Amino acid sequence: MNVTMDLSEIDRSHRVGKPNQTGGPRPIIVKFISYRARLHMYSARASLKTNGITGTYINEDLTRQRSFAFYTARVLVKRKKLNSCWTSDGVVLVKDNYENIHRVTSSDDLANFEHC
């Protein structure tokens, strides 16, 4: 990812969830010391895909409501009802097919896009 990060920039990290039956790795949650360190890591996450790294994702830890809204937005992107979706600082953002960006707070906000 071409990110230089010292161990001192991470407050704590640990695996989450119960060990799964398949023996695959569990997700890891990381708390950074500063917002700047967190932003540095998140801005570099797009390079995972461009560097050919698959199966590794860096996502924000969203609330249940926003996580469901983000899931709904991703479904609409697959159906070509939206152009793209992403999260930034815990906020779900979507780009419609007219290149307008909208802030989404719940999956109810996406109802207008389902009929496009």
PDB file of N, CA and C in Angstrom:
ATOM      1  N   MET A   1       0.816  -1.203   0.000  1.00  0.00           N
ATOM      2  CA  MET A   1       0.000   0.000   0.000  1.00  0.00           C
ATOM      3  C   MET A   1       0.856   1.262   0.000  1.00  0.00           C
ATOM      4  N   ASN A   2       2.158   1.090   0.155  1.00  0.00           N
ATOM      5  CA  ASN A   2       3.078   2.230   0.203  1.00  0.00           C
ATOM      6  C   ASN A   2       2.728   3.208   1.321  1.00  0.00           C
ATOM      7  N   VAL A   3       2.385   2.678   2.487  1.00  0.00           N
ATOM      8  CA  VAL A   3       2.076   3.498   3.653  1.00  0.00           C
ATOM      9  C   VAL A   3       3.140   3.243   4.708  1.00  0.00           C
ATOM     10  N   THR A   4       3.765   4.306   5.158  1.00  0.00           N
ATOM     11  CA  THR A   4       4.729   4.181   6.236  1.00  0.00           C
ATOM     12  C   THR A   4       4.008   4.511   7.538  1.00  0.00           C
ATOM     13  N   MET A   5       3.942   3.523   8.423  1.00  0.00           N
ATOM     14  CA  MET A   5       3.241   3.723   9.679  1.00  0.00           C
ATOM     15  C   MET A   5       4.052   3.084  10.795  1.00  0.00           C
ATOM     16  N   ASP A   6       4.285   3.835  11.832  1.00  0.00           N
ATOM     17  CA  ASP A   6       4.989   3.311  13.000  1.00  0.00           C
ATOM     18  C   ASP A   6       4.011   2.605  13.911  1.00  0.00           C
ATOM     19  N   LEU A   7       4.501   1.665  14.665  1.00  0.00           N
ATOM     20  CA  LEU A   7       3.677   0.962  15.644  1.00  0.00           C
ATOM     21  C   LEU A   7       3.110   1.932  16.677  1.00  0.00           C
ATOM     22  N   SER A   8       3.808   3.024  16.922  1.00  0.00           N
ATOM     23  CA  SER A   8       3.345   4.012  17.901  1.00  0.00           C
ATOM     24  C   SER A   8       2.105   4.760  17.426  1.00  0.00           C
ATOM     25  N   GLU A   9       1.744   4.643  16.150  1.00  0.00           N
ATOM     26  CA  GLU A   9       0.552   5.318  15.635  1.00  0.00           C
ATOM     27  C   GLU A   9      -0.715   4.473  15.823  1.00  0.00           C
ATOM     28  N   ILE A  10      -0.561   3.246  16.328  1.00  0.00           N
ATOM     29  CA  ILE A  10      -1.697   2.372  16.585  1.00  0.00           C
ATOM     30  C   ILE A  10      -1.899   2.264  18.088  1.00  0.00           C
ATOM     31  N   ASP A  11      -3.109   2.620  18.535  1.00  0.00           N
ATOM     32  CA  ASP A  11      -3.426   2.541  19.961  1.00  0.00           C
ATOM     33  C   ASP A  11      -3.639   1.088  20.366  1.00  0.00           C
ATOM     34  N   ARG A  12      -4.493   0.387  19.621  1.00  0.00           N
ATOM     35  CA  ARG A  12      -4.727  -1.032  19.889  1.00  0.00           C
ATOM     36  C   ARG A  12      -5.315  -1.693  18.655  1.00  0.00           C
ATOM     37  N   SER A  13      -5.172  -2.994  18.608  1.00  0.00           N
ATOM     38  CA  SER A  13      -5.759  -3.782  17.522  1.00  0.00           C
ATOM     39  C   SER A  13      -6.058  -5.177  18.054  1.00  0.00           C
ATOM     40  N   HIS A  14      -7.129  -5.759  17.549  1.00  0.00           N
ATOM     41  CA  HIS A  14      -7.489  -7.116  17.954  1.00  0.00           C
ATOM     42  C   HIS A  14      -8.450  -7.708  16.942  1.00  0.00           C
ATOM     43  N   ARG A  15      -8.559  -9.013  16.964  1.00  0.00           N
ATOM     44  CA  ARG A  15      -9.505  -9.704  16.092  1.00  0.00           C
ATOM     45  C   ARG A  15     -10.896  -9.603  16.696  1.00  0.00           C
ATOM     46  N   VAL A  16     -11.909  -9.631  15.838  1.00  0.00           N
ATOM     47  CA  VAL A  16     -13.293  -9.534  16.303  1.00  0.00           C
ATOM     48  C   VAL A  16     -14.064 -10.779  15.889  1.00  0.00           C
ATOM     49  N   GLY A  17     -15.119 -11.057  16.618  1.00  0.00           N
ATOM     50  CA  GLY A  17     -15.966 -12.201  16.309  1.00  0.00           C
ATOM     51  C   GLY A  17     -15.399 -13.503  16.832  1.00  0.00           C
ATOM     52  N   LYS A  18     -16.201 -14.525  16.675  1.00  0.00           N
ATOM     53  CA  LYS A  18     -15.797 -15.862  17.105  1.00  0.00           C
ATOM     54  C   LYS A  18     -15.002 -16.526  15.985  1.00  0.00           C
ATOM     55  N   PRO A  19     -14.094 -17.422  16.354  1.00  0.00           N
ATOM     56  CA  PRO A  19     -13.392 -18.171  15.306  1.00  0.00           C
ATOM     57  C   PRO A  19     -14.409 -18.926  14.445  1.00  0.00           C
ATOM     58  N   ASN A  20     -14.237 -18.856  13.130  1.00  0.00           N
ATOM     59  CA  ASN A  20     -15.211 -19.503  12.251  1.00  0.00           C
ATOM     60  C   ASN A  20     -14.835 -20.952  11.985  1.00  0.00           C
ATOM     61  N   GLN A  21     -15.823 -21.684  11.536  1.00  0.00           N
ATOM     62  CA  GLN A  21     -15.672 -23.126  11.323  1.00  0.00           C
ATOM     63  C   GLN A  21     -14.648 -23.450  10.234  1.00  0.00           C
ATOM     64  N   THR A  22     -14.507 -22.564   9.255  1.00  0.00           N
ATOM     65  CA  THR A  22     -13.626 -22.847   8.119  1.00  0.00           C
ATOM     66  C   THR A  22     -12.164 -22.628   8.455  1.00  0.00           C
ATOM     67  N   GLY A  23     -11.893 -22.000   9.585  1.00  0.00           N
ATOM     68  CA  GLY A  23     -10.514 -21.759   9.966  1.00  0.00           C
ATOM     69  C   GLY A  23      -9.907 -20.537   9.301  1.00  0.00           C
ATOM     70  N   GLY A  24     -10.726 -19.780   8.565  1.00  0.00           N
ATOM     71  CA  GLY A  24     -10.226 -18.569   7.922  1.00  0.00           C
ATOM     72  C   GLY A  24      -9.948 -17.476   8.946  1.00  0.00           C
ATOM     73  N   PRO A  25      -9.191 -16.481   8.556  1.00  0.00           N
ATOM     74  CA  PRO A  25      -8.863 -15.415   9.503  1.00  0.00           C
ATOM     75  C   PRO A  25     -10.074 -14.541   9.827  1.00  0.00           C
ATOM     76  N   ARG A  26     -10.152 -14.113  11.077  1.00  0.00           N
ATOM     77  CA  ARG A  26     -11.222 -13.211  11.502  1.00  0.00           C
ATOM     78  C   ARG A  26     -10.820 -11.774  11.189  1.00  0.00           C
ATOM     79  N   PRO A  27     -11.799 -10.885  11.054  1.00  0.00           N
ATOM     80  CA  PRO A  27     -11.475  -9.475  10.825  1.00  0.00           C
ATOM     81  C   PRO A  27     -10.682  -8.894  11.989  1.00  0.00           C
ATOM     82  N   ILE A  28      -9.909  -7.882  11.688  1.00  0.00           N
ATOM     83  CA  ILE A  28      -9.122  -7.175  12.695  1.00  0.00           C
ATOM     84  C   ILE A  28      -9.644  -5.760  12.790  1.00  0.00           C
ATOM     85  N   ILE A  29      -9.815  -5.261  13.993  1.00  0.00           N
ATOM     86  CA  ILE A  29     -10.218  -3.869  14.201  1.00  0.00           C
ATOM     87  C   ILE A  29      -9.013  -3.128  14.778  1.00  0.00           C
ATOM     88  N   VAL A  30      -8.784  -1.926  14.269  1.00  0.00           N
ATOM     89  CA  VAL A  30      -7.619  -1.140  14.667  1.00  0.00           C
ATOM     90  C   VAL A  30      -8.082   0.226  15.133  1.00  0.00           C
ATOM     91  N   LYS A  31      -7.572   0.674  16.260  1.00  0.00           N
ATOM     92  CA  LYS A  31      -7.818   2.029  16.751  1.00  0.00           C
ATOM     93  C   LYS A  31      -6.503   2.792  16.628  1.00  0.00           C
ATOM     94  N   PHE A  32      -6.540   3.872  15.866  1.00  0.00           N
ATOM     95  CA  PHE A  32      -5.346   4.673  15.647  1.00  0.00           C
ATOM     96  C   PHE A  32      -5.203   5.726  16.733  1.00  0.00           C
ATOM     97  N   ILE A  33      -3.977   6.152  16.971  1.00  0.00           N
ATOM     98  CA  ILE A  33      -3.700   7.192  17.967  1.00  0.00           C
ATOM     99  C   ILE A  33      -4.282   8.527  17.525  1.00  0.00           C
ATOM    100  N   SER A  34      -4.161   8.829  16.235  1.00  0.00           N
ATOM    101  CA  SER A  34      -4.613  10.140  15.758  1.00  0.00           C
ATOM    102  C   SER A  34      -5.497   9.980  14.526  1.00  0.00           C
ATOM    103  N   TYR A  35      -6.280  10.997  14.300  1.00  0.00           N
ATOM    104  CA  TYR A  35      -7.122  11.034  13.111  1.00  0.00           C
ATOM    105  C   TYR A  35      -6.251  11.077  11.861  1.00  0.00           C
ATOM    106  N   ARG A  36      -5.132  11.748  11.936  1.00  0.00           N
ATOM    107  CA  ARG A  36      -4.226  11.867  10.796  1.00  0.00           C
ATOM    108  C   ARG A  36      -3.702  10.491  10.364  1.00  0.00           C
ATOM    109  N   ALA A  37      -3.339   9.649  11.322  1.00  0.00           N
ATOM    110  CA  ALA A  37      -2.852   8.305  10.999  1.00  0.00           C
ATOM    111  C   ALA A  37      -3.965   7.480  10.359  1.00  0.00           C
ATOM    112  N   ARG A  38      -5.163   7.606  10.890  1.00  0.00           N
ATOM    113  CA  ARG A  38      -6.321   6.887  10.345  1.00  0.00           C
ATOM    114  C   ARG A  38      -6.599   7.338   8.914  1.00  0.00           C
ATOM    115  N   LEU A  39      -6.592   8.629   8.689  1.00  0.00           N
ATOM    116  CA  LEU A  39      -6.852   9.183   7.366  1.00  0.00           C
ATOM    117  C   LEU A  39      -5.782   8.736   6.363  1.00  0.00           C
ATOM    118  N   HIS A  40      -4.553   8.672   6.822  1.00  0.00           N
ATOM    119  CA  HIS A  40      -3.451   8.240   5.973  1.00  0.00           C
ATOM    120  C   HIS A  40      -3.679   6.801   5.501  1.00  0.00           C
ATOM    121  N   MET A  41      -4.117   5.937   6.396  1.00  0.00           N
ATOM    122  CA  MET A  41      -4.379   4.539   6.045  1.00  0.00           C
ATOM    123  C   MET A  41      -5.581   4.422   5.113  1.00  0.00           C
ATOM    124  N   TYR A  42      -6.667   5.132   5.416  1.00  0.00           N
ATOM    125  CA  TYR A  42      -7.860   5.045   4.589  1.00  0.00           C
ATOM    126  C   TYR A  42      -7.644   5.610   3.194  1.00  0.00           C
ATOM    127  N   SER A  43      -6.834   6.648   3.068  1.00  0.00           N
ATOM    128  CA  SER A  43      -6.606   7.223   1.739  1.00  0.00           C
ATOM    129  C   SER A  43      -5.781   6.287   0.865  1.00  0.00           C
ATOM    130  N   ALA A  44      -5.018   5.401   1.477  1.00  0.00           N
ATOM    131  CA  ALA A  44      -4.183   4.468   0.712  1.00  0.00           C
ATOM    132  C   ALA A  44      -4.893   3.152   0.418  1.00  0.00           C
ATOM    133  N   ARG A  45      -6.089   2.946   0.934  1.00  0.00           N
ATOM    134  CA  ARG A  45      -6.744   1.646   0.771  1.00  0.00           C
ATOM    135  C   ARG A  45      -7.110   1.339  -0.675  1.00  0.00           C
ATOM    136  N   ALA A  46      -7.287   2.355  -1.517  1.00  0.00           N
ATOM    137  CA  ALA A  46      -7.605   2.114  -2.921  1.00  0.00           C
ATOM    138  C   ALA A  46      -6.441   1.439  -3.647  1.00  0.00           C
ATOM    139  N   SER A  47      -5.231   1.615  -3.130  1.00  0.00           N
ATOM    140  CA  SER A  47      -4.069   1.027  -3.783  1.00  0.00           C
ATOM    141  C   SER A  47      -4.027  -0.498  -3.625  1.00  0.00           C
ATOM    142  N   LEU A  48      -4.813  -1.064  -2.717  1.00  0.00           N
ATOM    143  CA  LEU A  48      -4.866  -2.523  -2.592  1.00  0.00           C
ATOM    144  C   LEU A  48      -5.303  -3.144  -3.912  1.00  0.00           C
ATOM    145  N   LYS A  49      -6.369  -2.602  -4.475  1.00  0.00           N
ATOM    146  CA  LYS A  49      -6.905  -3.139  -5.718  1.00  0.00           C
ATOM    147  C   LYS A  49      -5.945  -2.911  -6.883  1.00  0.00           C
ATOM    148  N   THR A  50      -5.351  -1.729  -6.950  1.00  0.00           N
ATOM    149  CA  THR A  50      -4.464  -1.416  -8.075  1.00  0.00           C
ATOM    150  C   THR A  50      -3.156  -2.204  -7.999  1.00  0.00           C
ATOM    151  N   ASN A  51      -2.755  -2.642  -6.800  1.00  0.00           N
ATOM    152  CA  ASN A  51      -1.534  -3.429  -6.648  1.00  0.00           C
ATOM    153  C   ASN A  51      -1.790  -4.929  -6.753  1.00  0.00           C
ATOM    154  N   GLY A  52      -3.031  -5.310  -7.085  1.00  0.00           N
ATOM    155  CA  GLY A  52      -3.340  -6.717  -7.304  1.00  0.00           C
ATOM    156  C   GLY A  52      -3.576  -7.518  -6.045  1.00  0.00           C
ATOM    157  N   ILE A  53      -3.805  -6.854  -4.915  1.00  0.00           N
ATOM    158  CA  ILE A  53      -4.072  -7.562  -3.658  1.00  0.00           C
ATOM    159  C   ILE A  53      -5.568  -7.816  -3.578  1.00  0.00           C
ATOM    160  N   THR A  54      -5.964  -9.068  -3.560  1.00  0.00           N
ATOM    161  CA  THR A  54      -7.381  -9.412  -3.502  1.00  0.00           C
ATOM    162  C   THR A  54      -7.686 -10.113  -2.187  1.00  0.00           C
ATOM    163  N   GLY A  55      -8.920  -9.986  -1.745  1.00  0.00           N
ATOM    164  CA  GLY A  55      -9.354 -10.648  -0.526  1.00  0.00           C
ATOM    165  C   GLY A  55      -8.987  -9.905   0.742  1.00  0.00           C
ATOM    166  N   THR A  56      -8.384  -8.746   0.624  1.00  0.00           N
ATOM    167  CA  THR A  56      -8.044  -7.925   1.780  1.00  0.00           C
ATOM    168  C   THR A  56      -8.766  -6.594   1.639  1.00  0.00           C
ATOM    169  N   TYR A  57      -9.505  -6.208   2.677  1.00  0.00           N
ATOM    170  CA  TYR A  57     -10.301  -4.988   2.630  1.00  0.00           C
ATOM    171  C   TYR A  57     -10.034  -4.146   3.865  1.00  0.00           C
ATOM    172  N   ILE A  58     -10.089  -2.847   3.686  1.00  0.00           N
ATOM    173  CA  ILE A  58      -9.989  -1.912   4.803  1.00  0.00           C
ATOM    174  C   ILE A  58     -11.285  -1.119   4.810  1.00  0.00           C
ATOM    175  N   ASN A  59     -12.097  -1.332   5.833  1.00  0.00           N
ATOM    176  CA  ASN A  59     -13.398  -0.699   5.936  1.00  0.00           C
ATOM    177  C   ASN A  59     -13.537   0.015   7.267  1.00  0.00           C
ATOM    178  N   GLU A  60     -14.427   0.976   7.289  1.00  0.00           N
ATOM    179  CA  GLU A  60     -14.735   1.657   8.543  1.00  0.00           C
ATOM    180  C   GLU A  60     -15.681   0.782   9.365  1.00  0.00           C
ATOM    181  N   ASP A  61     -15.612   0.915  10.671  1.00  0.00           N
ATOM    182  CA  ASP A  61     -16.510   0.209  11.578  1.00  0.00           C
ATOM    183  C   ASP A  61     -17.758   1.070  11.726  1.00  0.00           C
ATOM    184  N   LEU A  62     -18.817   0.724  10.997  1.00  0.00           N
ATOM    185  CA  LEU A  62     -20.039   1.523  10.960  1.00  0.00           C
ATOM    186  C   LEU A  62     -21.054   1.022  11.980  1.00  0.00           C
ATOM    187  N   THR A  63     -22.000   1.889  12.323  1.00  0.00           N
ATOM    188  CA  THR A  63     -23.119   1.459  13.153  1.00  0.00           C
ATOM    189  C   THR A  63     -23.961   0.474  12.355  1.00  0.00           C
ATOM    190  N   ARG A  64     -24.815  -0.260  13.019  1.00  0.00           N
ATOM    191  CA  ARG A  64     -25.646  -1.245  12.344  1.00  0.00           C
ATOM    192  C   ARG A  64     -26.528  -0.583  11.275  1.00  0.00           C
ATOM    193  N   GLN A  65     -27.103   0.576  11.605  1.00  0.00           N
ATOM    194  CA  GLN A  65     -27.983   1.279  10.671  1.00  0.00           C
ATOM    195  C   GLN A  65     -27.210   1.748   9.437  1.00  0.00           C
ATOM    196  N   ARG A  66     -26.043   2.326   9.638  1.00  0.00           N
ATOM    197  CA  ARG A  66     -25.259   2.808   8.497  1.00  0.00           C
ATOM    198  C   ARG A  66     -24.645   1.659   7.709  1.00  0.00           C
ATOM    199  N   SER A  67     -24.322   0.576   8.392  1.00  0.00           N
ATOM    200  CA  SER A  67     -23.804  -0.595   7.702  1.00  0.00           C
ATOM    201  C   SER A  67     -24.863  -1.166   6.765  1.00  0.00           C
ATOM    202  N   PHE A  68     -26.116  -1.213   7.217  1.00  0.00           N
ATOM    203  CA  PHE A  68     -27.202  -1.704   6.369  1.00  0.00           C
ATOM    204  C   PHE A  68     -27.453  -0.745   5.211  1.00  0.00           C
ATOM    205  N   ALA A  69     -27.364   0.562   5.468  1.00  0.00           N
ATOM    206  CA  ALA A  69     -27.535   1.546   4.397  1.00  0.00           C
ATOM    207  C   ALA A  69     -26.429   1.390   3.355  1.00  0.00           C
ATOM    208  N   PHE A  70     -25.212   1.143   3.799  1.00  0.00           N
ATOM    209  CA  PHE A  70     -24.094   0.953   2.876  1.00  0.00           C
ATOM    210  C   PHE A  70     -24.282  -0.319   2.061  1.00  0.00           C
ATOM    211  N   TYR A  71     -24.758  -1.377   2.704  1.00  0.00           N
ATOM    212  CA  TYR A  71     -25.049  -2.626   1.993  1.00  0.00           C
ATOM    213  C   TYR A  71     -26.109  -2.388   0.918  1.00  0.00           C
ATOM    214  N   THR A  72     -27.178  -1.670   1.275  1.00  0.00           N
ATOM    215  CA  THR A  72     -28.248  -1.371   0.324  1.00  0.00           C
ATOM    216  C   THR A  72     -27.714  -0.549  -0.845  1.00  0.00           C
ATOM    217  N   ALA A  73     -26.840   0.400  -0.556  1.00  0.00           N
ATOM    218  CA  ALA A  73     -26.250   1.228  -1.610  1.00  0.00           C
ATOM    219  C   ALA A  73     -25.394   0.370  -2.546  1.00  0.00           C
ATOM    220  N   ARG A  74     -24.626  -0.572  -1.994  1.00  0.00           N
ATOM    221  CA  ARG A  74     -23.808  -1.446  -2.840  1.00  0.00           C
ATOM    222  C   ARG A  74     -24.679  -2.306  -3.751  1.00  0.00           C
ATOM    223  N   VAL A  75     -25.828  -2.765  -3.245  1.00  0.00           N
ATOM    224  CA  VAL A  75     -26.765  -3.529  -4.067  1.00  0.00           C
ATOM    225  C   VAL A  75     -27.275  -2.662  -5.217  1.00  0.00           C
ATOM    226  N   LEU A  76     -27.590  -1.396  -4.932  1.00  0.00           N
ATOM    227  CA  LEU A  76     -28.077  -0.492  -5.976  1.00  0.00           C
ATOM    228  C   LEU A  76     -26.997  -0.188  -7.012  1.00  0.00           C
ATOM    229  N   VAL A  77     -25.747  -0.163  -6.593  1.00  0.00           N
ATOM    230  CA  VAL A  77     -24.655   0.026  -7.550  1.00  0.00           C
ATOM    231  C   VAL A  77     -24.580  -1.176  -8.481  1.00  0.00           C
ATOM    232  N   LYS A  78     -24.722  -2.376  -7.936  1.00  0.00           N
ATOM    233  CA  LYS A  78     -24.683  -3.582  -8.767  1.00  0.00           C
ATOM    234  C   LYS A  78     -25.837  -3.613  -9.761  1.00  0.00           C
ATOM    235  N   ARG A  79     -26.986  -3.071  -9.362  1.00  0.00           N
ATOM    236  CA  ARG A  79     -28.157  -3.024 -10.240  1.00  0.00           C
ATOM    237  C   ARG A  79     -28.120  -1.827 -11.201  1.00  0.00           C
ATOM    238  N   LYS A  80     -27.050  -1.048 -11.136  1.00  0.00           N
ATOM    239  CA  LYS A  80     -26.861   0.133 -11.997  1.00  0.00           C
ATOM    240  C   LYS A  80     -27.847   1.256 -11.689  1.00  0.00           C
ATOM    241  N   LYS A  81     -28.416   1.265 -10.476  1.00  0.00           N
ATOM    242  CA  LYS A  81     -29.303   2.350 -10.052  1.00  0.00           C
ATOM    243  C   LYS A  81     -28.497   3.522  -9.505  1.00  0.00           C
ATOM    244  N   LEU A  82     -27.283   3.231  -9.037  1.00  0.00           N
ATOM    245  CA  LEU A  82     -26.343   4.243  -8.562  1.00  0.00           C
ATOM    246  C   LEU A  82     -25.015   4.038  -9.272  1.00  0.00           C
ATOM    247  N   ASN A  83     -24.257   5.113  -9.369  1.00  0.00           N
ATOM    248  CA  ASN A  83     -22.949   5.042 -10.010  1.00  0.00           C
ATOM    249  C   ASN A  83     -21.909   4.439  -9.068  1.00  0.00           C
ATOM    250  N   SER A  84     -21.871   4.916  -7.812  1.00  0.00           N
ATOM    251  CA  SER A  84     -20.901   4.401  -6.850  1.00  0.00           C
ATOM    252  C   SER A  84     -21.345   4.740  -5.437  1.00  0.00           C
ATOM    253  N   CYS A  85     -20.685   4.110  -4.464  1.00  0.00           N
ATOM    254  CA  CYS A  85     -20.950   4.406  -3.057  1.00  0.00           C
ATOM    255  C   CYS A  85     -19.671   4.171  -2.270  1.00  0.00           C
ATOM    256  N   TRP A  86     -19.529   4.883  -1.164  1.00  0.00           N
ATOM    257  CA  TRP A  86     -18.362   4.766  -0.301  1.00  0.00           C
ATOM    258  C   TRP A  86     -18.703   5.351   1.058  1.00  0.00           C
ATOM    259  N   THR A  87     -17.801   5.159   2.011  1.00  0.00           N
ATOM    260  CA  THR A  87     -17.972   5.767   3.327  1.00  0.00           C
ATOM    261  C   THR A  87     -16.803   6.694   3.601  1.00  0.00           C
ATOM    262  N   SER A  88     -17.072   7.710   4.372  1.00  0.00           N
ATOM    263  CA  SER A  88     -16.046   8.658   4.776  1.00  0.00           C
ATOM    264  C   SER A  88     -16.391   9.180   6.158  1.00  0.00           C
ATOM    265  N   ASP A  89     -15.517   8.939   7.112  1.00  0.00           N
ATOM    266  CA  ASP A  89     -15.743   9.359   8.504  1.00  0.00           C
ATOM    267  C   ASP A  89     -17.077   8.859   9.057  1.00  0.00           C
ATOM    268  N   GLY A  90     -17.441   7.632   8.719  1.00  0.00           N
ATOM    269  CA  GLY A  90     -18.661   7.035   9.238  1.00  0.00           C
ATOM    270  C   GLY A  90     -19.921   7.446   8.509  1.00  0.00           C
ATOM    271  N   VAL A  91     -19.794   8.211   7.440  1.00  0.00           N
ATOM    272  CA  VAL A  91     -20.939   8.682   6.671  1.00  0.00           C
ATOM    273  C   VAL A  91     -20.979   7.925   5.345  1.00  0.00           C
ATOM    274  N   VAL A  92     -22.167   7.468   4.970  1.00  0.00           N
ATOM    275  CA  VAL A  92     -22.347   6.777   3.698  1.00  0.00           C
ATOM    276  C   VAL A  92     -22.646   7.823   2.629  1.00  0.00           C
ATOM    277  N   LEU A  93     -21.886   7.782   1.547  1.00  0.00           N
ATOM    278  CA  LEU A  93     -22.067   8.706   0.427  1.00  0.00           C
ATOM    279  C   LEU A  93     -22.331   7.897  -0.832  1.00  0.00           C
ATOM    280  N   VAL A  94     -23.234   8.404  -1.677  1.00  0.00           N
ATOM    281  CA  VAL A  94     -23.537   7.742  -2.938  1.00  0.00           C
ATOM    282  C   VAL A  94     -23.461   8.759  -4.065  1.00  0.00           C
ATOM    283  N   LYS A  95     -23.073   8.276  -5.231  1.00  0.00           N
ATOM    284  CA  LYS A  95     -23.070   9.106  -6.437  1.00  0.00           C
ATOM    285  C   LYS A  95     -24.117   8.539  -7.379  1.00  0.00           C
ATOM    286  N   ASP A  96     -25.096   9.379  -7.728  1.00  0.00           N
ATOM    287  CA  ASP A  96     -26.142   8.906  -8.622  1.00  0.00           C
ATOM    288  C   ASP A  96     -25.634   8.859 -10.061  1.00  0.00           C
ATOM    289  N   ASN A  97     -26.480   8.437 -10.973  1.00  0.00           N
ATOM    290  CA  ASN A  97     -26.073   8.293 -12.365  1.00  0.00           C
ATOM    291  C   ASN A  97     -25.908   9.632 -13.080  1.00  0.00           C
ATOM    292  N   TYR A  98     -26.259  10.727 -12.404  1.00  0.00           N
ATOM    293  CA  TYR A  98     -26.056  12.078 -12.940  1.00  0.00           C
ATOM    294  C   TYR A  98     -24.836  12.746 -12.318  1.00  0.00           C
ATOM    295  N   GLU A  99     -24.022  11.949 -11.617  1.00  0.00           N
ATOM    296  CA  GLU A  99     -22.774  12.400 -10.982  1.00  0.00           C
ATOM    297  C   GLU A  99     -22.999  13.325  -9.779  1.00  0.00           C
ATOM    298  N   ASN A 100     -24.209  13.338  -9.199  1.00  0.00           N
ATOM    299  CA  ASN A 100     -24.483  14.109  -7.992  1.00  0.00           C
ATOM    300  C   ASN A 100     -24.200  13.242  -6.770  1.00  0.00           C
ATOM    301  N   ILE A 101     -23.592  13.821  -5.754  1.00  0.00           N
ATOM    302  CA  ILE A 101     -23.248  13.095  -4.535  1.00  0.00           C
ATOM    303  C   ILE A 101     -24.294  13.380  -3.470  1.00  0.00           C
ATOM    304  N   HIS A 102     -24.761  12.323  -2.807  1.00  0.00           N
ATOM    305  CA  HIS A 102     -25.792  12.424  -1.773  1.00  0.00           C
ATOM    306  C   HIS A 102     -25.295  11.768  -0.495  1.00  0.00           C
ATOM    307  N   ARG A 103     -25.633  12.359   0.641  1.00  0.00           N
ATOM    308  CA  ARG A 103     -25.328  11.794   1.954  1.00  0.00           C
ATOM    309  C   ARG A 103     -26.492  10.908   2.381  1.00  0.00           C
ATOM    310  N   VAL A 104     -26.190   9.712   2.853  1.00  0.00           N
ATOM    311  CA  VAL A 104     -27.220   8.746   3.230  1.00  0.00           C
ATOM    312  C   VAL A 104     -27.094   8.470   4.727  1.00  0.00           C
ATOM    313  N   THR A 105     -28.202   8.614   5.447  1.00  0.00           N
ATOM    314  CA  THR A 105     -28.172   8.329   6.881  1.00  0.00           C
ATOM    315  C   THR A 105     -28.869   7.017   7.223  1.00  0.00           C
ATOM    316  N   SER A 106     -29.778   6.578   6.364  1.00  0.00           N
ATOM    317  CA  SER A 106     -30.427   5.279   6.570  1.00  0.00           C
ATOM    318  C   SER A 106     -30.797   4.699   5.213  1.00  0.00           C
ATOM    319  N   SER A 107     -31.169   3.441   5.193  1.00  0.00           N
ATOM    320  CA  SER A 107     -31.519   2.803   3.923  1.00  0.00           C
ATOM    321  C   SER A 107     -32.790   3.403   3.332  1.00  0.00           C
ATOM    322  N   ASP A 108     -33.614   4.070   4.156  1.00  0.00           N
ATOM    323  CA  ASP A 108     -34.816   4.735   3.653  1.00  0.00           C
ATOM    324  C   ASP A 108     -34.461   5.860   2.681  1.00  0.00           C
ATOM    325  N   ASP A 109     -33.298   6.473   2.866  1.00  0.00           N
ATOM    326  CA  ASP A 109     -32.861   7.554   1.966  1.00  0.00           C
ATOM    327  C   ASP A 109     -32.586   7.051   0.551  1.00  0.00           C
ATOM    328  N   LEU A 110     -32.421   5.756   0.405  1.00  0.00           N
ATOM    329  CA  LEU A 110     -32.099   5.173  -0.898  1.00  0.00           C
ATOM    330  C   LEU A 110     -33.328   4.746  -1.687  1.00  0.00           C
ATOM    331  N   ALA A 111     -34.515   4.886  -1.116  1.00  0.00           N
ATOM    332  CA  ALA A 111     -35.733   4.457  -1.781  1.00  0.00           C
ATOM    333  C   ALA A 111     -35.953   5.194  -3.092  1.00  0.00           C
ATOM    334  N   ASN A 112     -35.562   6.462  -3.171  1.00  0.00           N
ATOM    335  CA  ASN A 112     -35.759   7.237  -4.393  1.00  0.00           C
ATOM    336  C   ASN A 112     -34.924   6.686  -5.552  1.00  0.00           C
ATOM    337  N   PHE A 113     -33.799   6.066  -5.258  1.00  0.00           N
ATOM    338  CA  PHE A 113     -32.910   5.569  -6.306  1.00  0.00           C
ATOM    339  C   PHE A 113     -33.342   4.201  -6.835  1.00  0.00           C
ATOM    340  N   GLU A 114     -34.144   3.477  -6.082  1.00  0.00           N
ATOM    341  CA  GLU A 114     -34.555   2.140  -6.492  1.00  0.00           C
ATOM    342  C   GLU A 114     -35.472   2.174  -7.713  1.00  0.00           C
ATOM    343  N   HIS A 115     -36.142   3.290  -7.930  1.00  0.00           N
ATOM    344  CA  HIS A 115     -37.104   3.376  -9.022  1.00  0.00           C
ATOM    345  C   HIS A 115     -36.542   4.092 -10.244  1.00  0.00           C
ATOM    346  N   CYS A 116     -35.265   4.413 -10.214  1.00  0.00           N
ATOM    347  CA  CYS A 116     -34.660   5.117 -11.358  1.00  0.00           C
ATOM    348  C   CYS A 116     -34.403   4.176 -12.502  1.00  0.00           C
TER     349      CYS A 116
END
